[in-house]
Every structure is written in C-alpha cells, then in structure tokens.
Amino acid sequence: MDKEAFLQILQKYQQKGPTNIIALARELKLGIYSSPMLNPAITGKLIRIKTEDAKVLDKGSGWYLLMNRDRPPIAVKENVSYLIAKYVLCDLTNVDLLSDSVRFRTMSAIDDPLEEDVNKLALEILIPDKYYKETLKDGAFLYEIPQLFKVESSTLSAKVGHTVYPFDFWVNARNAESE
C-alpha cells in the first residue's frame, strides 16, 4: 500500500485521544481474528489466506491480523498498529519481511532501517504527533499521556526517546522518601 494514501486514511481515525485502530484495519480491508498461539511471546501475525471464501469475508484483500487472545488487550492493540504499519510499509510479496510482532520496539529497529520505519509508523498510529503535542500544550502532564491515548508508558517512552514513568512511580517514590 502507498504510504501517502495510508496517511490520508489514517487521519480519519486519529483524534485527540486513542486512534480507532479496529476501524482503521477494517478500512484497509484487513480481517482481525483472535486465536491462542503456540508461542505465548507472539502477540500477533500478519497472514495471507488465498481462498475464495477468505476474499468474500474480508472484501478482497486476503490479508489478516491473527492476534493472540491470551495476551493483554493493550498489548494486542499496540501490535495491531505494528502489523498495520508492516502491511503499509513492507513488500507484501517478500515473506521474510512479514515476521510476527515479536520485533515490535526491539533492538532490530536499530539494525534494520525498514523495521525502524515500521516502528515509527506504529507509534504514530498509536500516539499521533499532532495530538500528542496539543495535549501537552493544553496542560496535560507527560505521565497522563499513556492513559489518554490508552497505551503503555513504555510505548510513550519509545515515541519520545526517553523513559516516561507512570504516575504511581512518582507517588511511590515520594512515599519511600518520607519513610
């Protein structure tokens, strides 16, 4: 898929707050299904099913996001965004590029320029720069951003390039000092 065309579509699903990634996936004609995975470390996979029945079910794309139903919902959400980014940026004919979501926000992003781009786009899907900056300008504290966008603190840390501690970290640190 063309990245610029995708970015135009993405704007419809981004707002101040969480991106509606399920609706985004549906617009991209990506089926989303959950199933238990043999490897519990895998949160999801981008797969292709080339049957006529599959084409009817997903309106023709044949591409699916198979998500591990045993993983926490927030992890699944973050990996749906990663797999959408992979779908948009990768050569879909190269099976080696379409690995599972284990690589999301890992050291492979440092070694592999394509993986770095995939991670950046996934983070932009989850926390749009425009609304992230507006939220801070409107007076939100940095530790509030993960809750507002419904992501993990580590996801915001990956986006901004430094550790963002959750609010309870600061409360617990203050309580430890007073003891």
C-alpha atoms as a PDB file:
ATOM      1  CA  MET A   1       0.000   0.000   0.000  1.00  0.00           C
ATOM      2  CA  ASP A   2       1.177   3.514  -0.734  1.00  0.00           C
ATOM      3  CA  LYS A   3       2.297   5.250   2.473  1.00  0.00           C
ATOM      4  CA  GLU A   4       0.900   8.660   1.491  1.00  0.00           C
ATOM      5  CA  ALA A   5      -2.505   7.164   0.712  1.00  0.00           C
ATOM      6  CA  PHE A   6      -2.417   5.374   4.057  1.00  0.00           C
ATOM      7  CA  LEU A   7      -1.594   8.599   5.930  1.00  0.00           C
ATOM      8  CA  GLN A   8      -4.672  10.216   4.348  1.00  0.00           C
ATOM      9  CA  ILE A   9      -6.838   7.322   5.542  1.00  0.00           C
ATOM     10  CA  LEU A  10      -5.206   7.383   8.981  1.00  0.00           C
ATOM     11  CA  GLN A  11      -6.245  10.994   9.614  1.00  0.00           C
ATOM     12  CA  LYS A  12      -9.901   9.931   9.685  1.00  0.00           C
ATOM     13  CA  TYR A  13      -9.241   7.620  12.637  1.00  0.00           C
ATOM     14  CA  GLN A  14      -6.989   9.833  14.709  1.00  0.00           C
ATOM     15  CA  GLN A  15      -8.312  12.266  17.208  1.00  0.00           C
ATOM     16  CA  LYS A  16      -7.363  13.768  20.499  1.00  0.00           C
ATOM     17  CA  GLY A  17      -7.096  10.503  22.349  1.00  0.00           C
ATOM     18  CA  PRO A  18      -6.808   6.907  21.180  1.00  0.00           C
ATOM     19  CA  THR A  19      -6.803   6.008  17.497  1.00  0.00           C
ATOM     20  CA  ASN A  20      -9.628   3.703  16.456  1.00  0.00           C
ATOM     21  CA  ILE A  21      -7.297   1.032  15.094  1.00  0.00           C
ATOM     22  CA  ILE A  22     -10.026  -1.589  14.599  1.00  0.00           C
ATOM     23  CA  ALA A  23     -11.948   0.737  12.269  1.00  0.00           C
ATOM     24  CA  LEU A  24      -8.660   1.624  10.572  1.00  0.00           C
ATOM     25  CA  ALA A  25      -7.881  -2.056   9.961  1.00  0.00           C
ATOM     26  CA  ARG A  26     -11.369  -2.603   8.554  1.00  0.00           C
ATOM     27  CA  GLU A  27     -10.964   0.308   6.129  1.00  0.00           C
ATOM     28  CA  LEU A  28      -7.706  -1.273   4.960  1.00  0.00           C
ATOM     29  CA  LYS A  29      -9.699  -4.490   4.408  1.00  0.00           C
ATOM     30  CA  LEU A  30      -7.671  -6.365   6.998  1.00  0.00           C
ATOM     31  CA  GLY A  31      -9.583  -9.070   8.816  1.00  0.00           C
ATOM     32  CA  ILE A  32      -8.807  -9.332  12.544  1.00  0.00           C
ATOM     33  CA  TYR A  33      -9.193 -12.628  14.319  1.00  0.00           C
ATOM     34  CA  SER A  34      -8.095 -13.901  17.703  1.00  0.00           C
ATOM     35  CA  SER A  35      -6.786 -17.334  18.485  1.00  0.00           C
ATOM     36  CA  PRO A  36      -4.498 -18.965  21.021  1.00  0.00           C
ATOM     37  CA  MET A  37      -0.880 -19.026  19.807  1.00  0.00           C
ATOM     38  CA  LEU A  38       1.563 -21.869  20.245  1.00  0.00           C
ATOM     39  CA  ASN A  39       4.272 -19.376  21.187  1.00  0.00           C
ATOM     40  CA  PRO A  40       2.947 -17.146  24.011  1.00  0.00           C
ATOM     41  CA  ALA A  41       5.565 -14.485  23.179  1.00  0.00           C
ATOM     42  CA  ILE A  42       3.796 -13.794  19.885  1.00  0.00           C
ATOM     43  CA  THR A  43       1.025 -11.258  20.168  1.00  0.00           C
ATOM     44  CA  GLY A  44       0.018 -11.308  16.528  1.00  0.00           C
ATOM     45  CA  LYS A  45       0.853 -12.168  12.951  1.00  0.00           C
ATOM     46  CA  LEU A  46       0.137 -10.694   9.553  1.00  0.00           C
ATOM     47  CA  ILE A  47      -1.024 -13.596   7.405  1.00  0.00           C
ATOM     48  CA  ARG A  48      -2.426 -14.130   3.929  1.00  0.00           C
ATOM     49  CA  ILE A  49      -5.146 -16.571   3.065  1.00  0.00           C
ATOM     50  CA  LYS A  50      -5.643 -17.140  -0.634  1.00  0.00           C
ATOM     51  CA  THR A  51      -9.073 -18.731  -0.853  1.00  0.00           C
ATOM     52  CA  GLU A  52     -12.253 -17.535  -2.458  1.00  0.00           C
ATOM     53  CA  ASP A  53     -14.051 -17.768   0.904  1.00  0.00           C
ATOM     54  CA  ALA A  54     -11.428 -15.539   2.506  1.00  0.00           C
ATOM     55  CA  LYS A  55     -11.844 -12.950  -0.219  1.00  0.00           C
ATOM     56  CA  VAL A  56     -15.575 -12.838   0.441  1.00  0.00           C
ATOM     57  CA  LEU A  57     -15.080 -12.465   4.205  1.00  0.00           C
ATOM     58  CA  ASP A  58     -12.608  -9.583   4.041  1.00  0.00           C
ATOM     59  CA  LYS A  59     -13.889  -7.862   0.912  1.00  0.00           C
ATOM     60  CA  GLY A  60     -10.994  -8.991  -1.206  1.00  0.00           C
ATOM     61  CA  SER A  61      -7.632  -8.261   0.401  1.00  0.00           C
ATOM     62  CA  GLY A  62      -6.849 -11.759   1.661  1.00  0.00           C
ATOM     63  CA  TRP A  63      -4.736 -10.265   4.494  1.00  0.00           C
ATOM     64  CA  TYR A  64      -5.496 -10.891   8.146  1.00  0.00           C
ATOM     65  CA  LEU A  65      -4.208  -9.895  11.537  1.00  0.00           C
ATOM     66  CA  LEU A  66      -4.211 -13.035  13.652  1.00  0.00           C
ATOM     67  CA  MET A  67      -3.979 -11.933  17.275  1.00  0.00           C
ATOM     68  CA  ASN A  68      -3.142 -13.978  20.378  1.00  0.00           C
ATOM     69  CA  ARG A  69      -6.286 -13.961  22.506  1.00  0.00           C
ATOM     70  CA  ASP A  70      -4.280 -14.802  25.622  1.00  0.00           C
ATOM     71  CA  ARG A  71      -2.321 -11.523  25.586  1.00  0.00           C
ATOM     72  CA  PRO A  72      -3.495  -8.375  27.425  1.00  0.00           C
ATOM     73  CA  PRO A  73      -5.778  -6.118  25.342  1.00  0.00           C
ATOM     74  CA  ILE A  74      -3.335  -3.195  25.444  1.00  0.00           C
ATOM     75  CA  ALA A  75      -0.556  -5.413  24.026  1.00  0.00           C
ATOM     76  CA  VAL A  76      -2.887  -6.606  21.280  1.00  0.00           C
ATOM     77  CA  LYS A  77      -3.836  -3.007  20.418  1.00  0.00           C
ATOM     78  CA  GLU A  78      -0.204  -1.962  20.169  1.00  0.00           C
ATOM     79  CA  ASN A  79       0.625  -4.929  17.985  1.00  0.00           C
ATOM     80  CA  VAL A  80      -2.347  -4.341  15.692  1.00  0.00           C
ATOM     81  CA  SER A  81      -0.825  -0.910  14.996  1.00  0.00           C
ATOM     82  CA  TYR A  82       2.566  -2.525  14.381  1.00  0.00           C
ATOM     83  CA  LEU A  83       1.097  -5.070  11.960  1.00  0.00           C
ATOM     84  CA  ILE A  84      -0.847  -2.348  10.131  1.00  0.00           C
ATOM     85  CA  ALA A  85       2.433  -0.426   9.752  1.00  0.00           C
ATOM     86  CA  LYS A  86       4.081  -3.601   8.477  1.00  0.00           C
ATOM     87  CA  TYR A  87       1.229  -4.071   5.988  1.00  0.00           C
ATOM     88  CA  VAL A  88       1.659  -0.495   4.737  1.00  0.00           C
ATOM     89  CA  LEU A  89       5.471  -0.341   4.524  1.00  0.00           C
ATOM     90  CA  CYS A  90       6.622  -3.846   3.607  1.00  0.00           C
ATOM     91  CA  ASP A  91       6.839  -5.556   0.260  1.00  0.00           C
ATOM     92  CA  LEU A  92       3.960  -7.976   0.746  1.00  0.00           C
ATOM     93  CA  THR A  93       5.469 -10.426  -1.716  1.00  0.00           C
ATOM     94  CA  ASN A  94       8.553 -10.899   0.475  1.00  0.00           C
ATOM     95  CA  VAL A  95       7.503 -13.434   3.100  1.00  0.00           C
ATOM     96  CA  ASP A  96      10.732 -12.914   5.093  1.00  0.00           C
ATOM     97  CA  LEU A  97       9.729  -9.313   5.856  1.00  0.00           C
ATOM     98  CA  LEU A  98       6.356 -10.338   7.223  1.00  0.00           C
ATOM     99  CA  SER A  99       7.549 -11.740  10.516  1.00  0.00           C
ATOM    100  CA  ASP A 100       5.332 -11.825  13.554  1.00  0.00           C
ATOM    101  CA  SER A 101       5.046  -8.978  16.016  1.00  0.00           C
ATOM    102  CA  VAL A 102       7.856 -10.130  18.294  1.00  0.00           C
ATOM    103  CA  ARG A 103      10.085  -7.477  16.680  1.00  0.00           C
ATOM    104  CA  PHE A 104       7.919  -4.510  17.732  1.00  0.00           C
ATOM    105  CA  ARG A 105      10.029  -1.985  19.671  1.00  0.00           C
ATOM    106  CA  THR A 106      13.065  -4.261  19.887  1.00  0.00           C
ATOM    107  CA  MET A 107      16.759  -3.820  19.071  1.00  0.00           C
ATOM    108  CA  SER A 108      16.034  -4.934  15.487  1.00  0.00           C
ATOM    109  CA  ALA A 109      14.753  -1.398  14.874  1.00  0.00           C
ATOM    110  CA  ILE A 110      18.305  -0.150  15.354  1.00  0.00           C
ATOM    111  CA  ASP A 111      19.836  -2.640  12.928  1.00  0.00           C
ATOM    112  CA  ASP A 112      17.155  -2.634  10.240  1.00  0.00           C
ATOM    113  CA  PRO A 113      16.051   0.665   8.610  1.00  0.00           C
ATOM    114  CA  LEU A 114      12.762  -0.845   7.417  1.00  0.00           C
ATOM    115  CA  GLU A 115      11.983  -2.117  10.906  1.00  0.00           C
ATOM    116  CA  GLU A 116      12.786   1.338  12.289  1.00  0.00           C
ATOM    117  CA  ASP A 117      10.282   2.878   9.855  1.00  0.00           C
ATOM    118  CA  VAL A 118       7.653   0.272  10.768  1.00  0.00           C
ATOM    119  CA  ASN A 119       8.109   1.015  14.475  1.00  0.00           C
ATOM    120  CA  LYS A 120       7.883   4.783  13.901  1.00  0.00           C
ATOM    121  CA  LEU A 121       4.680   4.434  11.880  1.00  0.00           C
ATOM    122  CA  ALA A 122       3.186   2.094  14.505  1.00  0.00           C
ATOM    123  CA  LEU A 123       3.930   4.665  17.205  1.00  0.00           C
ATOM    124  CA  GLU A 124       2.437   7.438  15.053  1.00  0.00           C
ATOM    125  CA  ILE A 125      -0.727   5.351  14.659  1.00  0.00           C
ATOM    126  CA  LEU A 126      -0.988   4.949  18.431  1.00  0.00           C
ATOM    127  CA  ILE A 127       0.111   8.431  19.525  1.00  0.00           C
ATOM    128  CA  PRO A 128      -0.267  10.973  16.703  1.00  0.00           C
ATOM    129  CA  ASP A 129       2.367  13.711  16.933  1.00  0.00           C
ATOM    130  CA  LYS A 130      -0.203  16.438  16.321  1.00  0.00           C
ATOM    131  CA  TYR A 131      -2.489  15.431  19.185  1.00  0.00           C
ATOM    132  CA  TYR A 132       0.349  14.469  21.487  1.00  0.00           C
ATOM    133  CA  LYS A 133       1.784  17.993  21.222  1.00  0.00           C
ATOM    134  CA  GLU A 134      -1.650  19.635  21.507  1.00  0.00           C
ATOM    135  CA  THR A 135      -2.389  17.610  24.637  1.00  0.00           C
ATOM    136  CA  LEU A 136       0.812  18.819  26.282  1.00  0.00           C
ATOM    137  CA  LYS A 137       0.142  22.417  25.210  1.00  0.00           C
ATOM    138  CA  ASP A 138      -3.340  22.127  26.742  1.00  0.00           C
ATOM    139  CA  GLY A 139      -1.702  21.443  30.107  1.00  0.00           C
ATOM    140  CA  ALA A 140      -1.600  17.660  30.388  1.00  0.00           C
ATOM    141  CA  PHE A 141       1.338  16.186  32.251  1.00  0.00           C
ATOM    142  CA  LEU A 142       3.620  13.766  30.419  1.00  0.00           C
ATOM    143  CA  TYR A 143       2.677  10.902  32.741  1.00  0.00           C
ATOM    144  CA  GLU A 144      -1.017  11.386  31.755  1.00  0.00           C
ATOM    145  CA  ILE A 145      -0.403  10.809  28.041  1.00  0.00           C
ATOM    146  CA  PRO A 146      -0.392   6.962  28.144  1.00  0.00           C
ATOM    147  CA  GLN A 147      -3.773   6.939  29.879  1.00  0.00           C
ATOM    148  CA  LEU A 148      -5.232   9.478  27.439  1.00  0.00           C
ATOM    149  CA  PHE A 149      -4.070   7.511  24.385  1.00  0.00           C
ATOM    150  CA  LYS A 150      -4.666   4.122  26.072  1.00  0.00           C
ATOM    151  CA  VAL A 151      -1.106   2.842  25.647  1.00  0.00           C
ATOM    152  CA  GLU A 152       1.621   1.591  27.974  1.00  0.00           C
ATOM    153  CA  SER A 153       4.116   4.055  29.472  1.00  0.00           C
ATOM    154  CA  SER A 154       6.830   2.155  27.601  1.00  0.00           C
ATOM    155  CA  THR A 155       5.064   2.977  24.311  1.00  0.00           C
ATOM    156  CA  LEU A 156       5.248   6.688  25.045  1.00  0.00           C
ATOM    157  CA  SER A 157       8.876   6.202  26.104  1.00  0.00           C
ATOM    158  CA  ALA A 158       9.593   4.637  22.699  1.00  0.00           C
ATOM    159  CA  LYS A 159       7.868   7.556  20.959  1.00  0.00           C
ATOM    160  CA  VAL A 160       9.674  10.351  22.804  1.00  0.00           C
ATOM    161  CA  GLY A 161      13.047   8.625  23.105  1.00  0.00           C
ATOM    162  CA  HIS A 162      13.390   8.663  26.886  1.00  0.00           C
ATOM    163  CA  THR A 163      11.805   6.907  29.837  1.00  0.00           C
ATOM    164  CA  VAL A 164       8.393   8.166  30.880  1.00  0.00           C
ATOM    165  CA  TYR A 165       7.483   6.873  34.308  1.00  0.00           C
ATOM    166  CA  PRO A 166       3.838   6.252  35.205  1.00  0.00           C
ATOM    167  CA  PHE A 167       2.264   8.441  37.867  1.00  0.00           C
ATOM    168  CA  ASP A 168       2.317   5.725  40.529  1.00  0.00           C
ATOM    169  CA  PHE A 169       6.114   5.585  40.197  1.00  0.00           C
ATOM    170  CA  TRP A 170       6.333   9.183  41.433  1.00  0.00           C
ATOM    171  CA  VAL A 171       3.791   8.639  44.207  1.00  0.00           C
ATOM    172  CA  ASN A 172       5.647   5.550  45.418  1.00  0.00           C
ATOM    173  CA  ALA A 173       9.000   7.354  45.194  1.00  0.00           C
ATOM    174  CA  ARG A 174       7.669  10.249  47.286  1.00  0.00           C
ATOM    175  CA  ASN A 175       6.211   7.830  49.882  1.00  0.00           C
ATOM    176  CA  ALA A 176       9.543   5.978  50.096  1.00  0.00           C
ATOM    177  CA  GLU A 177      11.387   9.255  50.792  1.00  0.00           C
ATOM    178  CA  SER A 178       9.053  10.202  53.652  1.00  0.00           C
ATOM    179  CA  GLU A 179       9.518   6.882  55.459  1.00  0.00           C
END
